[in-house]
Amino acid sequence: MKRMDERLEVTTSAEALARYKSILQRIIANRPSGTRQRLAGAMGKNPSFISQITNPTYPTPVPARHIETIFDICHFAPDDRRAFLDAYGQAHPRRASSPPHDRRVRAHTIYLPDLGDQERNRELDHAVGEFVQRLTRLIDNEEDR
């Protein structure tokens, strides 16, 4: 069921940003627990970043390169996907001009050493996630040639 504020005409980029974040927030709220954590891992980000990109009151935008990952992990319905992309395009006209890749993602578990310190473990997790994201971008750039 669509909420009334998702159907209103959007006039400013700030309103559009809040609109697509509201859509994302609603969808994640209706997903099983652990969705935020899976999303953070797939994006190579901390869970706090997921909170920022799903909260309409924060100005932090959703990075365009992560849109397909979000759609895949959160299982957007076609209408929600369309509404999200419409609002995203209004909020970020230059970023939305190049459509997101149709590449699907998959989960892969990797076992890392326990460094004996929660902060160091978190840094290692983040570094590995960032490496995979950079590697994926490198592969995408190679395929575009």
N, C-alpha and C. Protein backbone atom coordinates (compact mmCIF):
# COMPACT_ATOMS: atom_id res chain seq x y z
N MET A 1 0.83 -1.18 0.00
CA MET A 1 0.00 0.00 0.00
C MET A 1 0.88 1.24 0.00
N LYS A 2 0.60 2.15 -0.89
CA LYS A 2 1.39 3.37 -0.99
C LYS A 2 0.91 4.41 0.00
N ARG A 3 1.87 5.11 0.57
CA ARG A 3 1.53 6.19 1.48
C ARG A 3 1.23 7.44 0.67
N MET A 4 0.42 8.32 1.23
CA MET A 4 0.00 9.53 0.54
C MET A 4 1.19 10.38 0.12
N ASP A 5 2.23 10.54 1.00
CA ASP A 5 3.33 11.43 0.68
C ASP A 5 4.17 10.92 -0.49
N GLU A 6 4.08 9.63 -0.85
CA GLU A 6 4.83 9.09 -1.97
C GLU A 6 4.15 9.44 -3.29
N ARG A 7 2.90 9.85 -3.26
CA ARG A 7 2.18 10.17 -4.50
C ARG A 7 2.15 11.67 -4.78
N LEU A 8 2.60 12.49 -3.84
CA LEU A 8 2.57 13.93 -4.04
C LEU A 8 3.61 14.35 -5.08
N GLU A 9 3.29 15.41 -5.77
CA GLU A 9 4.22 15.96 -6.74
C GLU A 9 5.41 16.57 -6.00
N VAL A 10 6.59 16.26 -6.46
CA VAL A 10 7.80 16.75 -5.82
C VAL A 10 8.32 17.93 -6.62
N THR A 11 8.72 18.99 -5.91
CA THR A 11 9.17 20.17 -6.62
C THR A 11 10.63 20.51 -6.38
N THR A 12 11.19 20.13 -5.26
CA THR A 12 12.60 20.46 -5.00
C THR A 12 13.42 19.18 -4.86
N SER A 13 14.72 19.32 -5.03
CA SER A 13 15.59 18.15 -4.90
C SER A 13 15.60 17.65 -3.46
N ALA A 14 15.47 18.55 -2.48
CA ALA A 14 15.43 18.12 -1.07
C ALA A 14 14.17 17.30 -0.79
N GLU A 15 13.06 17.71 -1.38
CA GLU A 15 11.82 16.94 -1.21
C GLU A 15 11.93 15.58 -1.90
N ALA A 16 12.56 15.58 -3.08
CA ALA A 16 12.73 14.32 -3.80
C ALA A 16 13.66 13.38 -3.04
N LEU A 17 14.72 13.93 -2.45
CA LEU A 17 15.63 13.14 -1.64
C LEU A 17 14.89 12.50 -0.47
N ALA A 18 14.09 13.30 0.22
CA ALA A 18 13.31 12.78 1.35
C ALA A 18 12.31 11.73 0.88
N ARG A 19 11.77 11.93 -0.30
CA ARG A 19 10.78 10.99 -0.84
C ARG A 19 11.40 9.62 -1.12
N TYR A 20 12.56 9.59 -1.83
CA TYR A 20 13.13 8.27 -2.13
C TYR A 20 13.68 7.60 -0.89
N LYS A 21 14.14 8.41 0.07
CA LYS A 21 14.61 7.82 1.33
C LYS A 21 13.44 7.27 2.14
N SER A 22 12.29 7.91 2.06
CA SER A 22 11.09 7.40 2.74
C SER A 22 10.66 6.07 2.14
N ILE A 23 10.74 5.97 0.83
CA ILE A 23 10.40 4.71 0.16
C ILE A 23 11.35 3.61 0.62
N LEU A 24 12.64 3.91 0.61
CA LEU A 24 13.64 2.94 1.05
C LEU A 24 13.43 2.56 2.51
N GLN A 25 13.16 3.53 3.35
CA GLN A 25 12.92 3.28 4.78
C GLN A 25 11.73 2.35 4.99
N ARG A 26 10.65 2.59 4.25
CA ARG A 26 9.45 1.76 4.38
C ARG A 26 9.72 0.33 3.93
N ILE A 27 10.44 0.19 2.84
CA ILE A 27 10.72 -1.15 2.32
C ILE A 27 11.62 -1.93 3.27
N ILE A 28 12.65 -1.30 3.77
CA ILE A 28 13.56 -1.99 4.71
C ILE A 28 12.83 -2.35 6.00
N ALA A 29 11.92 -1.49 6.44
CA ALA A 29 11.17 -1.78 7.67
C ALA A 29 10.30 -3.03 7.51
N ASN A 30 9.93 -3.36 6.28
CA ASN A 30 9.09 -4.53 6.02
C ASN A 30 9.89 -5.77 5.63
N ARG A 31 11.20 -5.72 5.76
CA ARG A 31 12.05 -6.86 5.43
C ARG A 31 12.51 -7.54 6.71
N PRO A 32 12.98 -8.77 6.59
CA PRO A 32 13.42 -9.50 7.78
C PRO A 32 14.59 -8.81 8.48
N SER A 33 14.72 -9.09 9.77
CA SER A 33 15.85 -8.52 10.50
C SER A 33 17.13 -9.03 9.85
N GLY A 34 18.15 -8.22 9.88
CA GLY A 34 19.41 -8.57 9.25
C GLY A 34 19.56 -7.96 7.87
N THR A 35 18.48 -7.39 7.33
CA THR A 35 18.55 -6.80 5.99
C THR A 35 19.51 -5.62 5.97
N ARG A 36 19.46 -4.79 6.99
CA ARG A 36 20.37 -3.63 7.05
C ARG A 36 21.83 -4.09 7.09
N GLN A 37 22.08 -5.14 7.87
CA GLN A 37 23.45 -5.66 7.99
C GLN A 37 23.92 -6.24 6.65
N ARG A 38 23.06 -6.99 5.97
CA ARG A 38 23.42 -7.55 4.67
C ARG A 38 23.68 -6.43 3.66
N LEU A 39 22.85 -5.41 3.72
CA LEU A 39 23.01 -4.27 2.82
C LEU A 39 24.34 -3.56 3.08
N ALA A 40 24.64 -3.33 4.35
CA ALA A 40 25.90 -2.68 4.71
C ALA A 40 27.09 -3.51 4.20
N GLY A 41 27.03 -4.81 4.39
CA GLY A 41 28.11 -5.67 3.93
C GLY A 41 28.28 -5.65 2.43
N ALA A 42 27.17 -5.71 1.70
CA ALA A 42 27.23 -5.71 0.24
C ALA A 42 27.75 -4.39 -0.30
N MET A 43 27.49 -3.30 0.42
CA MET A 43 27.93 -1.99 -0.03
C MET A 43 29.33 -1.65 0.48
N GLY A 44 29.85 -2.47 1.38
CA GLY A 44 31.16 -2.19 1.97
C GLY A 44 31.11 -0.99 2.90
N LYS A 45 29.99 -0.82 3.58
CA LYS A 45 29.79 0.32 4.46
C LYS A 45 29.45 -0.14 5.87
N ASN A 46 29.50 0.78 6.82
CA ASN A 46 29.09 0.51 8.19
C ASN A 46 27.57 0.55 8.27
N PRO A 47 26.97 -0.19 9.21
CA PRO A 47 25.51 -0.13 9.37
C PRO A 47 25.00 1.29 9.65
N SER A 48 25.81 2.13 10.25
CA SER A 48 25.36 3.51 10.51
C SER A 48 25.13 4.26 9.20
N PHE A 49 25.87 3.91 8.15
CA PHE A 49 25.65 4.54 6.85
C PHE A 49 24.27 4.18 6.31
N ILE A 50 23.85 2.94 6.54
CA ILE A 50 22.53 2.51 6.10
C ILE A 50 21.46 3.33 6.82
N SER A 51 21.67 3.58 8.11
CA SER A 51 20.72 4.42 8.85
C SER A 51 20.65 5.82 8.25
N GLN A 52 21.79 6.35 7.83
CA GLN A 52 21.81 7.70 7.25
C GLN A 52 21.10 7.76 5.91
N ILE A 53 21.29 6.73 5.08
CA ILE A 53 20.68 6.78 3.74
C ILE A 53 19.21 6.38 3.76
N THR A 54 18.73 5.85 4.88
CA THR A 54 17.30 5.49 4.96
C THR A 54 16.50 6.48 5.79
N ASN A 55 17.15 7.47 6.35
CA ASN A 55 16.45 8.45 7.18
C ASN A 55 16.21 9.72 6.36
N PRO A 56 14.95 10.04 6.08
CA PRO A 56 14.65 11.22 5.25
C PRO A 56 15.12 12.55 5.83
N THR A 57 15.40 12.60 7.12
CA THR A 57 15.84 13.87 7.70
C THR A 57 17.33 14.13 7.51
N TYR A 58 18.10 13.10 7.15
CA TYR A 58 19.54 13.27 6.88
C TYR A 58 19.75 13.58 5.41
N PRO A 59 20.66 14.50 5.09
CA PRO A 59 20.89 14.86 3.68
C PRO A 59 21.79 13.88 2.92
N THR A 60 22.28 12.84 3.59
CA THR A 60 23.19 11.88 2.94
C THR A 60 22.48 11.17 1.79
N PRO A 61 22.95 11.33 0.55
CA PRO A 61 22.29 10.69 -0.58
C PRO A 61 22.68 9.21 -0.69
N VAL A 62 21.88 8.47 -1.41
CA VAL A 62 22.21 7.09 -1.75
C VAL A 62 23.17 7.15 -2.93
N PRO A 63 24.37 6.57 -2.81
CA PRO A 63 25.30 6.59 -3.95
C PRO A 63 24.70 5.81 -5.13
N ALA A 64 24.79 6.39 -6.31
CA ALA A 64 24.19 5.79 -7.51
C ALA A 64 24.72 4.38 -7.76
N ARG A 65 25.98 4.14 -7.46
CA ARG A 65 26.56 2.82 -7.75
C ARG A 65 25.98 1.72 -6.88
N HIS A 66 25.26 2.10 -5.79
CA HIS A 66 24.70 1.10 -4.89
C HIS A 66 23.20 0.85 -5.12
N ILE A 67 22.60 1.53 -6.05
CA ILE A 67 21.15 1.41 -6.24
C ILE A 67 20.75 -0.02 -6.59
N GLU A 68 21.44 -0.63 -7.53
CA GLU A 68 21.08 -2.00 -7.92
C GLU A 68 21.28 -2.98 -6.77
N THR A 69 22.30 -2.76 -5.97
CA THR A 69 22.53 -3.61 -4.79
C THR A 69 21.36 -3.48 -3.83
N ILE A 70 20.91 -2.26 -3.62
CA ILE A 70 19.76 -2.02 -2.74
C ILE A 70 18.52 -2.71 -3.29
N PHE A 71 18.26 -2.55 -4.59
CA PHE A 71 17.09 -3.19 -5.19
C PHE A 71 17.15 -4.71 -5.02
N ASP A 72 18.32 -5.27 -5.23
CA ASP A 72 18.45 -6.71 -5.16
C ASP A 72 18.28 -7.25 -3.74
N ILE A 73 18.92 -6.63 -2.79
CA ILE A 73 18.86 -7.12 -1.41
C ILE A 73 17.51 -6.84 -0.76
N CYS A 74 16.92 -5.70 -1.07
CA CYS A 74 15.65 -5.31 -0.44
C CYS A 74 14.43 -5.80 -1.22
N HIS A 75 14.62 -6.37 -2.38
CA HIS A 75 13.53 -6.93 -3.19
C HIS A 75 12.42 -5.91 -3.44
N PHE A 76 12.78 -4.85 -4.12
CA PHE A 76 11.81 -3.81 -4.47
C PHE A 76 10.77 -4.36 -5.44
N ALA A 77 9.52 -4.04 -5.20
CA ALA A 77 8.46 -4.34 -6.16
C ALA A 77 8.62 -3.37 -7.33
N PRO A 78 8.14 -3.73 -8.53
CA PRO A 78 8.30 -2.84 -9.69
C PRO A 78 7.77 -1.41 -9.47
N ASP A 79 6.62 -1.26 -8.82
CA ASP A 79 6.08 0.08 -8.57
C ASP A 79 6.97 0.87 -7.62
N ASP A 80 7.48 0.21 -6.59
CA ASP A 80 8.37 0.88 -5.64
C ASP A 80 9.68 1.27 -6.32
N ARG A 81 10.16 0.38 -7.15
CA ARG A 81 11.41 0.66 -7.88
C ARG A 81 11.24 1.88 -8.78
N ARG A 82 10.13 1.93 -9.50
CA ARG A 82 9.84 3.06 -10.38
C ARG A 82 9.71 4.36 -9.58
N ALA A 83 8.97 4.32 -8.47
CA ALA A 83 8.80 5.53 -7.63
C ALA A 83 10.14 5.98 -7.06
N PHE A 84 10.95 5.02 -6.62
CA PHE A 84 12.27 5.35 -6.08
C PHE A 84 13.12 6.02 -7.16
N LEU A 85 13.19 5.41 -8.34
CA LEU A 85 14.03 5.96 -9.42
C LEU A 85 13.53 7.31 -9.90
N ASP A 86 12.21 7.51 -9.93
CA ASP A 86 11.66 8.81 -10.31
C ASP A 86 12.11 9.89 -9.33
N ALA A 87 11.95 9.61 -8.04
CA ALA A 87 12.36 10.58 -7.02
C ALA A 87 13.87 10.76 -7.03
N TYR A 88 14.62 9.68 -7.23
CA TYR A 88 16.08 9.77 -7.28
C TYR A 88 16.51 10.67 -8.46
N GLY A 89 15.86 10.48 -9.58
CA GLY A 89 16.16 11.31 -10.75
C GLY A 89 15.88 12.78 -10.52
N GLN A 90 14.81 13.09 -9.77
CA GLN A 90 14.50 14.48 -9.45
C GLN A 90 15.49 15.04 -8.44
N ALA A 91 15.92 14.21 -7.50
CA ALA A 91 16.85 14.68 -6.47
C ALA A 91 18.26 14.85 -7.02
N HIS A 92 18.65 14.00 -7.95
CA HIS A 92 20.01 14.01 -8.48
C HIS A 92 19.98 13.87 -10.01
N PRO A 93 19.58 14.91 -10.71
CA PRO A 93 19.41 14.79 -12.16
C PRO A 93 20.67 14.37 -12.91
N ARG A 94 21.84 14.82 -12.47
CA ARG A 94 23.07 14.45 -13.18
C ARG A 94 23.47 13.01 -12.89
N ARG A 95 23.26 12.55 -11.67
CA ARG A 95 23.63 11.17 -11.32
C ARG A 95 22.69 10.17 -11.96
N ALA A 96 21.43 10.52 -12.06
CA ALA A 96 20.44 9.57 -12.58
C ALA A 96 20.48 9.48 -14.10
N SER A 97 21.26 10.35 -14.75
CA SER A 97 21.27 10.33 -16.21
C SER A 97 21.88 9.04 -16.76
N SER A 98 22.78 8.42 -16.01
CA SER A 98 23.29 7.12 -16.44
C SER A 98 22.60 6.04 -15.63
N PRO A 99 21.80 5.20 -16.29
CA PRO A 99 21.02 4.21 -15.56
C PRO A 99 21.91 3.22 -14.82
N PRO A 100 21.45 2.72 -13.68
CA PRO A 100 22.23 1.75 -12.94
C PRO A 100 22.43 0.48 -13.78
N HIS A 101 23.55 -0.18 -13.55
CA HIS A 101 23.83 -1.44 -14.26
C HIS A 101 22.77 -2.46 -13.91
N ASP A 102 22.54 -3.36 -14.84
CA ASP A 102 21.57 -4.42 -14.62
C ASP A 102 22.23 -5.62 -13.97
N ARG A 103 23.46 -5.46 -13.52
CA ARG A 103 24.20 -6.56 -12.93
C ARG A 103 23.56 -6.96 -11.60
N ARG A 104 23.35 -8.25 -11.46
CA ARG A 104 22.84 -8.78 -10.20
C ARG A 104 24.02 -9.05 -9.28
N VAL A 105 23.76 -9.02 -8.01
CA VAL A 105 24.80 -9.32 -7.04
C VAL A 105 24.44 -10.60 -6.31
N ARG A 106 25.43 -11.19 -5.70
CA ARG A 106 25.20 -12.39 -4.92
C ARG A 106 26.03 -12.30 -3.66
N ALA A 107 25.56 -12.97 -2.65
CA ALA A 107 26.29 -12.98 -1.38
C ALA A 107 27.42 -14.01 -1.47
N HIS A 108 28.52 -13.71 -0.82
CA HIS A 108 29.65 -14.62 -0.75
C HIS A 108 30.27 -14.47 0.64
N THR A 109 30.39 -15.55 1.33
CA THR A 109 30.97 -15.51 2.67
C THR A 109 32.48 -15.69 2.57
N ILE A 110 33.19 -14.85 3.28
CA ILE A 110 34.64 -14.96 3.33
C ILE A 110 35.03 -15.01 4.80
N TYR A 111 35.92 -15.92 5.13
CA TYR A 111 36.37 -16.07 6.51
C TYR A 111 37.68 -15.32 6.69
N LEU A 112 37.67 -14.40 7.62
CA LEU A 112 38.83 -13.57 7.91
C LEU A 112 39.36 -13.91 9.30
N PRO A 113 40.62 -13.63 9.53
CA PRO A 113 41.15 -13.91 10.87
C PRO A 113 40.53 -12.97 11.91
N ASP A 114 40.36 -13.46 13.10
CA ASP A 114 39.91 -12.63 14.22
C ASP A 114 41.15 -11.93 14.76
N LEU A 115 41.17 -10.63 14.69
CA LEU A 115 42.33 -9.86 15.10
C LEU A 115 42.36 -9.59 16.61
N GLY A 116 41.36 -10.09 17.32
CA GLY A 116 41.34 -9.96 18.77
C GLY A 116 40.90 -8.60 19.27
N ASP A 117 40.47 -7.74 18.37
CA ASP A 117 40.04 -6.40 18.75
C ASP A 117 38.88 -6.03 17.85
N GLN A 118 37.75 -5.67 18.45
CA GLN A 118 36.53 -5.39 17.68
C GLN A 118 36.75 -4.26 16.67
N GLU A 119 37.46 -3.22 17.05
CA GLU A 119 37.70 -2.10 16.15
C GLU A 119 38.57 -2.53 14.96
N ARG A 120 39.63 -3.28 15.22
CA ARG A 120 40.50 -3.76 14.15
C ARG A 120 39.74 -4.72 13.22
N ASN A 121 38.89 -5.58 13.80
CA ASN A 121 38.07 -6.47 12.98
C ASN A 121 37.14 -5.68 12.07
N ARG A 122 36.54 -4.63 12.62
CA ARG A 122 35.64 -3.79 11.84
C ARG A 122 36.42 -3.10 10.70
N GLU A 123 37.62 -2.63 11.00
CA GLU A 123 38.45 -2.00 9.96
C GLU A 123 38.80 -2.99 8.86
N LEU A 124 39.13 -4.22 9.24
CA LEU A 124 39.44 -5.25 8.25
C LEU A 124 38.21 -5.54 7.39
N ASP A 125 37.05 -5.70 8.03
CA ASP A 125 35.81 -5.95 7.28
C ASP A 125 35.55 -4.83 6.28
N HIS A 126 35.74 -3.60 6.74
CA HIS A 126 35.51 -2.44 5.87
C HIS A 126 36.51 -2.43 4.71
N ALA A 127 37.77 -2.71 4.99
CA ALA A 127 38.80 -2.72 3.95
C ALA A 127 38.51 -3.79 2.90
N VAL A 128 38.09 -4.96 3.33
CA VAL A 128 37.75 -6.03 2.39
C VAL A 128 36.54 -5.63 1.55
N GLY A 129 35.52 -5.04 2.19
CA GLY A 129 34.34 -4.59 1.45
C GLY A 129 34.69 -3.53 0.42
N GLU A 130 35.52 -2.58 0.81
CA GLU A 130 35.96 -1.53 -0.12
C GLU A 130 36.75 -2.12 -1.28
N PHE A 131 37.62 -3.08 -0.98
CA PHE A 131 38.40 -3.72 -2.03
C PHE A 131 37.49 -4.39 -3.06
N VAL A 132 36.48 -5.10 -2.58
CA VAL A 132 35.56 -5.78 -3.49
C VAL A 132 34.78 -4.76 -4.32
N GLN A 133 34.35 -3.66 -3.71
CA GLN A 133 33.64 -2.62 -4.46
C GLN A 133 34.55 -2.02 -5.55
N ARG A 134 35.81 -1.74 -5.21
CA ARG A 134 36.75 -1.18 -6.19
C ARG A 134 37.02 -2.18 -7.30
N LEU A 135 37.16 -3.45 -6.95
CA LEU A 135 37.39 -4.49 -7.94
C LEU A 135 36.19 -4.59 -8.89
N THR A 136 35.00 -4.51 -8.35
CA THR A 136 33.78 -4.57 -9.16
C THR A 136 33.71 -3.38 -10.12
N ARG A 137 34.05 -2.19 -9.62
CA ARG A 137 34.06 -1.01 -10.49
C ARG A 137 35.09 -1.17 -11.61
N LEU A 138 36.24 -1.76 -11.28
CA LEU A 138 37.27 -2.00 -12.28
C LEU A 138 36.75 -2.95 -13.36
N ILE A 139 36.07 -4.00 -12.96
CA ILE A 139 35.49 -4.95 -13.91
C ILE A 139 34.43 -4.26 -14.76
N ASP A 140 33.57 -3.44 -14.12
CA ASP A 140 32.54 -2.72 -14.87
C ASP A 140 33.17 -1.78 -15.89
N ASN A 141 34.24 -1.07 -15.51
CA ASN A 141 34.90 -0.16 -16.43
C ASN A 141 35.52 -0.90 -17.60
N GLU A 142 36.07 -2.07 -17.35
CA GLU A 142 36.66 -2.89 -18.41
C GLU A 142 35.59 -3.36 -19.39
N GLU A 143 34.41 -3.72 -18.89
CA GLU A 143 33.33 -4.18 -19.76
C GLU A 143 32.76 -3.05 -20.60
N ASP A 144 32.88 -1.81 -20.14
CA ASP A 144 32.37 -0.66 -20.88
C ASP A 144 33.24 -0.30 -22.09
N ARG A 145 34.45 -0.85 -22.14
CA ARG A 145 35.39 -0.51 -23.23
C ARG A 145 35.02 -1.22 -24.50
